[in-house]
Amino acid sequence: MRILHVSDLHLRQHLPGSSAVRGRDSRRMPEILDQVVHTGIRLGADLGVLSGDLVDVPSGTAPDSAEGESAQRDLDIVVSVLGRTPFPWLVVPGNHDLEEQVLAAFAPQRDLRLGGYRAVAFVDQEEEGHVPRRVGRERALFECMLGTT
């Protein structure tokens, strides 16, 4: 199985400003993502994995705020690019995403069976020091998956 793994896009098109981290090409990400996806298609990827920070939402942004709406429009760009591939995607939110927006966009694709393999996406919570921790429902799902094939 060939897996195309992409992470940390920090895309910004509709969100104002730029990333707090110098050197991120947030405004060029739609073009860069399109190039990466085409490379995955050319190389015969069977599955795409996008592991967080799809967009670059400022900390403390509420989904129903103007910035939250801009974040949704930026996420829609990612959804559109990924939707043009012949292979499915597992996508999880990162600490620069609005989790509920990402899960709403990609929830149906969190548990996939491909060519005799099973791929499952889990959403971990970020703790102090950017340390991920799988808790609650996600932990229970993870433990359930360990008991099945």
Protein backbone atom coordinates (compact mmCIF):
# COMPACT_ATOMS: atom_id res chain seq x y z
CA MET A 1 0.00 0.00 0.00
CA ARG A 2 1.29 3.45 -0.92
CA ILE A 3 0.43 6.23 1.51
CA LEU A 4 0.78 9.93 0.73
CA HIS A 5 1.36 11.69 4.07
CA VAL A 6 0.90 15.46 4.29
CA SER A 7 1.04 17.57 7.42
CA ASP A 8 1.14 21.14 8.68
CA LEU A 9 -0.18 23.08 5.70
CA HIS A 10 -1.12 26.12 7.79
CA LEU A 11 -3.13 27.34 4.79
CA ARG A 12 -4.43 30.92 4.79
CA GLN A 13 -6.40 32.40 1.93
CA HIS A 14 -9.47 33.93 3.55
CA LEU A 15 -8.08 34.26 7.07
CA PRO A 16 -6.45 37.68 7.47
CA GLY A 17 -2.79 38.18 8.27
CA SER A 18 -0.09 35.59 8.08
CA SER A 19 1.23 32.76 10.19
CA ALA A 20 2.95 33.67 13.42
CA VAL A 21 5.87 31.47 12.33
CA ARG A 22 8.22 33.05 9.80
CA GLY A 23 8.86 31.04 6.68
CA ARG A 24 5.48 29.34 6.39
CA ASP A 25 4.10 29.76 2.89
CA SER A 26 0.51 29.87 4.14
CA ARG A 27 -0.72 31.90 1.17
CA ARG A 28 0.88 29.55 -1.38
CA MET A 29 -0.47 26.36 0.22
CA PRO A 30 -3.37 25.77 -2.21
CA GLU A 31 -0.87 25.67 -5.08
CA ILE A 32 1.66 23.59 -3.11
CA LEU A 33 -1.02 21.14 -1.93
CA ASP A 34 -2.23 20.73 -5.50
CA GLN A 35 1.33 19.88 -6.60
CA VAL A 36 1.77 17.37 -3.76
CA VAL A 37 -1.56 15.71 -4.55
CA HIS A 38 -0.65 15.40 -8.24
CA THR A 39 2.65 13.79 -7.24
CA GLY A 40 0.72 11.30 -5.09
CA ILE A 41 -1.56 10.48 -8.01
CA ARG A 42 1.42 10.05 -10.35
CA LEU A 43 3.15 7.73 -7.86
CA GLY A 44 0.02 5.61 -7.43
CA ALA A 45 -0.94 6.45 -3.85
CA ASP A 46 -3.66 4.22 -2.41
CA LEU A 47 -4.41 6.41 0.61
CA GLY A 48 -3.79 10.01 1.64
CA VAL A 49 -3.22 11.04 5.25
CA LEU A 50 -3.40 14.68 6.31
CA SER A 51 -2.30 14.90 9.92
CA GLY A 52 -3.27 18.26 11.26
CA ASP A 53 -2.87 21.99 10.88
CA LEU A 54 -4.77 22.09 7.61
CA VAL A 55 -5.41 25.80 8.08
CA ASP A 56 -3.79 28.41 10.32
CA VAL A 57 -6.53 29.54 12.69
CA PRO A 58 -5.48 32.08 15.33
CA SER A 59 -5.73 30.75 18.88
CA GLY A 60 -9.06 31.43 20.57
CA THR A 61 -11.08 31.71 17.35
CA ALA A 62 -14.74 30.72 17.74
CA PRO A 63 -16.30 28.74 14.85
CA ASP A 64 -19.23 31.17 14.59
CA SER A 65 -17.03 34.30 14.47
CA ALA A 66 -15.96 36.12 11.30
CA GLU A 67 -12.54 34.46 11.59
CA GLY A 68 -14.24 31.09 12.09
CA GLU A 69 -16.17 31.61 8.86
CA SER A 70 -12.93 32.53 7.08
CA ALA A 71 -11.33 29.38 8.50
CA GLN A 72 -14.21 27.33 7.08
CA ARG A 73 -13.67 28.88 3.65
CA ASP A 74 -9.96 28.01 3.88
CA LEU A 75 -10.85 24.46 4.94
CA ASP A 76 -13.19 24.24 1.93
CA ILE A 77 -10.14 24.81 -0.30
CA VAL A 78 -8.42 21.79 1.26
CA VAL A 79 -11.58 19.69 0.90
CA SER A 80 -11.81 20.65 -2.77
CA VAL A 81 -8.20 19.74 -3.56
CA LEU A 82 -8.37 16.40 -1.72
CA GLY A 83 -11.70 15.63 -3.38
CA ARG A 84 -10.02 15.55 -6.79
CA THR A 85 -7.92 12.49 -5.94
CA PRO A 86 -8.80 8.91 -6.91
CA PHE A 87 -7.86 7.68 -3.42
CA PRO A 88 -9.50 8.25 -0.01
CA TRP A 89 -8.09 10.45 2.75
CA LEU A 90 -7.79 10.10 6.52
CA VAL A 91 -7.71 13.59 8.00
CA VAL A 92 -7.35 14.70 11.61
CA PRO A 93 -7.34 18.23 13.02
CA GLY A 94 -4.28 19.85 14.52
CA ASN A 95 -3.87 22.53 17.14
CA HIS A 96 -4.19 25.28 14.49
CA ASP A 97 -7.52 23.95 13.19
CA LEU A 98 -11.07 24.30 14.48
CA GLU A 99 -11.61 20.65 15.39
CA GLU A 100 -15.36 20.62 14.83
CA GLN A 101 -14.96 22.03 11.31
CA VAL A 102 -12.38 19.41 10.31
CA LEU A 103 -14.38 16.55 11.82
CA ALA A 104 -17.56 17.70 10.08
CA ALA A 105 -15.75 17.82 6.74
CA PHE A 106 -13.99 14.46 7.04
CA ALA A 107 -15.93 12.39 9.62
CA PRO A 108 -17.16 9.73 7.17
CA GLN A 109 -13.54 8.87 6.33
CA ARG A 110 -12.19 8.11 9.82
CA ASP A 111 -12.31 4.31 9.44
CA LEU A 112 -11.29 2.84 6.09
CA ARG A 113 -10.61 -0.65 4.79
CA LEU A 114 -8.30 -0.82 1.79
CA GLY A 115 -6.74 -3.87 0.19
CA GLY A 116 -6.92 -6.01 3.30
CA TYR A 117 -5.76 -3.20 5.60
CA ARG A 118 -7.68 -1.05 8.02
CA ALA A 119 -6.77 2.60 8.56
CA VAL A 120 -8.36 4.50 11.44
CA ALA A 121 -7.90 8.17 12.34
CA PHE A 122 -7.93 9.22 15.98
CA VAL A 123 -8.21 12.74 17.36
CA ASP A 124 -5.92 13.36 20.31
CA GLN A 125 -6.11 16.27 22.73
CA GLU A 126 -3.15 18.60 23.08
CA GLU A 127 -1.73 18.98 26.55
CA GLU A 128 0.86 21.38 27.92
CA GLY A 129 4.05 21.42 25.89
CA HIS A 130 2.21 20.30 22.72
CA VAL A 131 2.03 16.73 24.03
CA PRO A 132 -0.83 14.69 22.50
CA ARG A 133 -3.03 12.49 24.68
CA ARG A 134 -5.77 10.12 23.55
CA VAL A 135 -8.65 10.37 26.03
CA GLY A 136 -12.37 9.69 26.39
CA ARG A 137 -14.22 8.37 23.37
CA GLU A 138 -11.09 8.39 21.20
CA ARG A 139 -9.20 6.28 23.77
CA ALA A 140 -12.10 3.81 24.01
CA LEU A 141 -12.23 3.56 20.21
CA PHE A 142 -8.46 3.02 20.08
CA GLU A 143 -8.62 0.22 22.66
CA CYS A 144 -11.53 -1.36 20.79
CA MET A 145 -9.52 -1.28 17.55
CA LEU A 146 -6.59 -3.02 19.22
CA GLY A 147 -8.90 -5.93 19.97
CA THR A 148 -10.10 -6.31 16.36
CA THR A 149 -8.53 -7.00 12.99
